[in-house]
Protein backbone atom coordinates (compact mmCIF):
# COMPACT_ATOMS: atom_id res chain seq x y z
CA UNK A 1 -9.58 13.41 15.86
CA UNK A 2 -8.26 16.76 16.08
CA UNK A 3 -8.19 19.09 12.84
CA UNK A 4 -5.67 22.23 13.05
CA UNK A 5 -6.59 23.94 9.96
CA UNK A 6 -8.38 24.05 6.88
CA UNK A 7 -6.85 22.36 3.73
CA UNK A 8 -8.99 21.87 0.55
CA UNK A 9 -8.05 19.37 -1.78
CA UNK A 10 -9.14 19.88 -5.17
CA UNK A 11 -9.41 17.21 -7.47
CA UNK A 12 -6.56 15.88 -10.69
CA UNK A 13 -8.36 15.21 -13.70
CA UNK A 14 -7.75 11.14 -14.15
CA UNK A 15 -5.38 9.83 -16.12
CA UNK A 16 -5.37 6.97 -18.54
CA UNK A 17 -5.28 3.83 -16.06
CA UNK A 18 -3.65 1.44 -18.64
CA UNK A 19 0.60 1.00 -18.05
CA UNK A 20 3.11 0.33 -19.94
CA UNK A 21 5.61 -1.85 -18.70
CA UNK A 22 8.54 0.07 -16.51
CA UNK A 23 11.00 -2.70 -15.58
CA UNK A 24 9.49 -2.28 -11.94
CA UNK A 25 6.70 -4.85 -10.69
CA UNK A 26 3.96 -2.88 -10.56
CA UNK A 27 0.78 -4.90 -8.76
CA UNK A 28 -1.32 -6.81 -11.36
CA UNK A 29 -4.28 -4.58 -12.65
CA UNK A 30 -6.77 -3.84 -10.00
CA UNK A 31 -10.19 -4.18 -12.03
CA UNK A 32 -11.83 -1.98 -9.13
CA UNK A 33 -12.59 1.89 -9.31
CA UNK A 34 -12.46 3.92 -6.87
CA UNK A 35 -13.82 7.54 -6.03
CA UNK A 36 -12.06 10.84 -6.09
CA UNK A 37 -13.24 13.13 -2.92
CA UNK A 38 -14.82 9.48 -1.16
CA UNK A 39 -12.03 6.84 -1.49
CA UNK A 40 -9.40 9.08 -1.44
CA UNK A 41 -8.08 12.60 -2.09
CA UNK A 42 -5.83 14.67 -4.75
CA UNK A 43 -3.68 17.79 -4.29
CA UNK A 44 -4.81 20.51 -6.56
CA UNK A 45 -1.13 20.70 -7.48
CA UNK A 46 1.31 17.78 -6.75
CA UNK A 47 3.61 18.05 -4.11
CA UNK A 48 7.45 18.06 -4.67
CA UNK A 49 8.94 15.29 -3.36
CA UNK A 50 12.21 15.95 -2.29
CA UNK A 51 13.22 12.35 -0.63
CA UNK A 52 15.63 9.86 -3.42
CA UNK A 53 13.13 7.23 -3.96
CA UNK A 54 15.14 4.98 -6.61
CA UNK A 55 12.47 5.22 -8.87
CA UNK A 56 9.96 3.90 -6.85
CA UNK A 57 6.43 4.73 -5.86
CA UNK A 58 6.81 6.82 -2.46
CA UNK A 59 4.49 6.47 0.40
CA UNK A 60 4.94 8.91 2.90
CA UNK A 61 2.51 8.77 6.42
CA UNK A 62 2.49 11.39 8.76
CA UNK A 63 1.34 10.61 12.22
CA UNK A 64 1.11 11.96 15.87
CA UNK A 65 1.13 9.93 19.23
CA UNK A 66 -1.95 11.74 20.25
CA UNK A 67 -3.60 9.14 17.26
CA UNK A 68 -6.20 6.59 17.82
CA UNK A 69 -5.49 4.49 14.76
CA UNK A 70 -1.76 5.47 13.63
CA UNK A 71 -0.23 2.63 14.98
CA UNK A 72 -2.35 0.08 13.26
CA UNK A 73 -2.19 2.38 10.31
CA UNK A 74 1.65 2.03 10.43
CA UNK A 75 0.80 -2.11 10.74
CA UNK A 76 -1.12 -1.84 7.65
CA UNK A 77 1.24 0.54 5.43
CA UNK A 78 4.49 -1.48 6.79
CA UNK A 79 2.67 -5.01 5.75
CA UNK A 80 1.71 -3.46 2.02
CA UNK A 81 5.55 -2.39 1.28
CA UNK A 82 6.69 -5.71 2.37
CA UNK A 83 4.32 -7.10 0.04
CA UNK A 84 5.39 -4.34 -2.71
CA UNK A 85 9.29 -4.07 -1.65
CA UNK A 86 10.28 -3.96 -5.20
CA UNK A 87 8.23 -0.71 -6.37
CA UNK A 88 7.15 1.11 -2.87
CA UNK A 89 8.83 2.91 -0.72
CA UNK A 90 7.95 3.81 2.47
CA UNK A 91 8.66 7.08 5.28
CA UNK A 92 7.07 7.78 8.23
CA UNK A 93 7.09 11.86 9.56
CA UNK A 94 6.08 13.10 12.90
CA UNK A 95 3.23 15.77 12.58
CA UNK A 96 4.72 19.33 13.96
CA UNK A 97 3.05 22.81 14.41
CA UNK A 98 4.86 25.48 16.32
CA UNK A 99 2.65 24.84 19.26
CA UNK A 100 2.59 21.48 19.15
CA UNK A 101 5.71 19.56 18.92
CA UNK A 102 5.78 16.60 21.38
CA UNK A 103 5.55 13.98 18.71
CA UNK A 104 8.70 15.32 16.29
CA UNK A 105 10.79 16.11 19.38
CA UNK A 106 9.92 12.94 20.87
CA UNK A 107 10.47 10.91 17.54
CA UNK A 108 13.54 12.23 16.89
CA UNK A 109 15.07 12.35 19.99
CA UNK A 110 14.58 8.48 20.51
CA UNK A 111 16.43 8.57 16.64
CA UNK A 112 19.23 10.75 18.64
CA UNK A 113 19.41 8.44 21.16
CA UNK A 114 19.68 5.02 18.89
CA UNK A 115 16.23 3.76 20.18
CA UNK A 116 13.90 4.63 16.98
CA UNK A 117 12.50 0.93 17.49
CA UNK A 118 10.61 2.37 21.02
CA UNK A 119 8.70 5.22 18.92
CA UNK A 120 6.65 2.07 17.20
CA UNK A 121 5.90 0.73 21.28
CA UNK A 122 5.17 4.66 22.34
CA UNK A 123 2.67 4.65 19.53
CA UNK A 124 0.98 1.63 20.18
CA UNK A 125 0.84 2.56 24.25
CA UNK A 126 -0.73 5.96 23.45
CA UNK A 127 -3.63 4.39 21.09
CA UNK A 128 -5.47 4.97 24.70
CA UNK A 129 -5.92 8.53 24.99
CA UNK A 130 -5.58 8.54 29.31
CA UNK A 131 -1.66 6.65 28.21
CA UNK A 132 -0.92 9.73 25.80
CA UNK A 133 -2.03 12.33 28.62
CA UNK A 134 -0.06 11.03 31.16
CA UNK A 135 2.95 10.16 28.86
CA UNK A 136 3.19 13.76 26.86
CA UNK A 137 4.43 14.73 30.66
CA UNK A 138 8.11 14.46 30.39
CA UNK A 139 8.08 12.93 34.23
CA UNK A 140 6.11 9.77 32.67
CA UNK A 141 7.80 9.88 29.70
CA UNK A 142 11.39 9.32 30.79
CA UNK A 143 9.74 6.60 33.56
CA UNK A 144 8.25 4.65 30.70
CA UNK A 145 11.07 5.00 28.71
CA UNK A 146 13.47 3.65 31.35
CA UNK A 147 11.64 0.47 31.27
CA UNK A 148 12.22 0.26 27.71
CA UNK A 149 16.08 0.59 28.17
CA UNK A 150 16.50 4.30 27.12
CA UNK A 151 18.42 6.57 29.38
CA UNK A 152 16.41 9.26 30.61
CA UNK A 153 18.45 12.26 31.33
CA UNK A 154 20.16 11.56 27.75
CA UNK A 155 16.43 11.66 26.04
CA UNK A 156 15.89 14.69 27.81
CA UNK A 157 19.07 16.62 26.89
CA UNK A 158 18.30 15.34 23.46
CA UNK A 159 14.85 16.47 23.34
CA UNK A 160 15.65 19.82 23.95
CA UNK A 161 18.72 19.95 21.99
CA UNK A 162 19.93 22.32 19.09
CA UNK A 163 19.71 18.94 16.93
CA UNK A 164 15.98 18.87 17.62
CA UNK A 165 15.08 22.06 17.11
CA UNK A 166 16.67 21.99 14.02
CA UNK A 167 14.91 18.50 13.31
CA UNK A 168 11.75 19.82 14.73
CA UNK A 169 11.53 23.14 12.08
CA UNK A 170 12.16 20.89 9.42
CA UNK A 171 8.90 18.93 10.52
CA UNK A 172 6.73 21.74 11.02
CA UNK A 173 7.85 23.17 7.36
CA UNK A 174 6.77 19.21 5.78
CA UNK A 175 3.43 19.40 7.92
CA UNK A 176 2.37 22.73 5.98
CA UNK A 177 4.06 21.80 2.86
CA UNK A 178 1.67 18.87 2.71
CA UNK A 179 -1.06 20.73 4.13
CA UNK A 180 -1.39 17.89 6.69
CA UNK A 181 -4.66 18.65 8.58
CA UNK A 182 -5.31 15.28 10.13
CA UNK A 183 -3.63 12.31 11.47
CA UNK A 184 -3.13 9.39 10.00
CA UNK A 185 -2.40 11.40 6.89
CA UNK A 186 -1.02 9.12 3.97
CA UNK A 187 0.57 10.73 0.62
CA UNK A 188 1.11 8.30 -1.87
CA UNK A 189 3.97 9.84 -4.49
CA UNK A 190 2.97 13.57 -3.65
CA UNK A 191 -0.37 13.46 -5.52
CA UNK A 192 -2.90 11.53 -3.55
CA UNK A 193 -3.93 11.66 0.14
CA UNK A 194 -5.31 8.77 1.93
CA UNK A 195 -6.88 9.58 5.42
CA UNK A 196 -8.95 7.77 8.31
CA UNK A 197 -12.10 7.23 6.05
CA UNK A 198 -10.00 4.74 3.73
CA UNK A 199 -7.53 3.54 6.30
CA UNK A 200 -9.56 1.05 8.40
CA UNK A 201 -9.23 -2.05 6.27
CA UNK A 202 -6.81 -3.94 5.20
CA UNK A 203 -8.41 -5.16 2.10
CA UNK A 204 -9.85 -1.93 1.36
CA UNK A 205 -7.13 -0.10 1.66
CA UNK A 206 -4.79 -2.24 -0.20
CA UNK A 207 -7.23 -2.36 -3.05
CA UNK A 208 -6.92 1.66 -2.96
CA UNK A 209 -3.24 1.48 -2.65
CA UNK A 210 -3.36 -0.31 -5.62
CA UNK A 211 -5.18 1.62 -7.73
CA UNK A 212 -3.12 4.84 -7.17
CA UNK A 213 0.09 2.93 -7.83
CA UNK A 214 -1.29 1.62 -10.99
CA UNK A 215 -2.61 4.93 -11.62
CA UNK A 216 0.68 6.79 -10.80
CA UNK A 217 2.51 4.45 -13.19
CA UNK A 218 0.00 4.86 -15.95
CA UNK A 219 0.33 9.11 -15.52
CA UNK A 220 4.00 8.65 -15.54
CA UNK A 221 4.24 6.03 -18.44
CA UNK A 222 1.18 6.41 -20.61
CA UNK A 223 -0.02 4.60 -23.56
CA UNK A 224 0.86 5.87 -26.84
């Protein structure tokens, strides 16, 4: 696990837990309680979410291909969203820094050539650190992509294109905006953060997510 820079997450004052009916099917009330600073973290100031959510609560997952746990966490979050599709929106973002752009360039280049589906396979493959070191080299990566039916030459052209340069710059800005300091790094509605310490067990992670979604709904629609 790599830590790129220190980012201090401060606690918000907990809001009332009981929620009104909102027209969205929020999970049944979770009777478990979880501790801020242990089970989840909070931003000192909520992050303004730019994406259109259509009234849903958004889960934003920041990942890197040089990650031992991101593939499993992706599967876990996708399952959670399938179960809660009526009220939860899920989006993924590659982490990017000025001196570390491989994941963002690869992710957006795959999207640009119409093979976003290969990103999941690559994330699974690079769970092994040795495979990551190998596939982070362009020659090995294009050879691997060719076996997946991706034209290596077209991919390489897109990888260094102006279109991808712009996408990578936006990814750098997102990484900085959300204060991403580790991966996986999961943000719920711009307010709460989950890291590896929570993202290791389906039952535990689902319970924390239910708790936070109910908490957000209560904050948005406090009882009077």
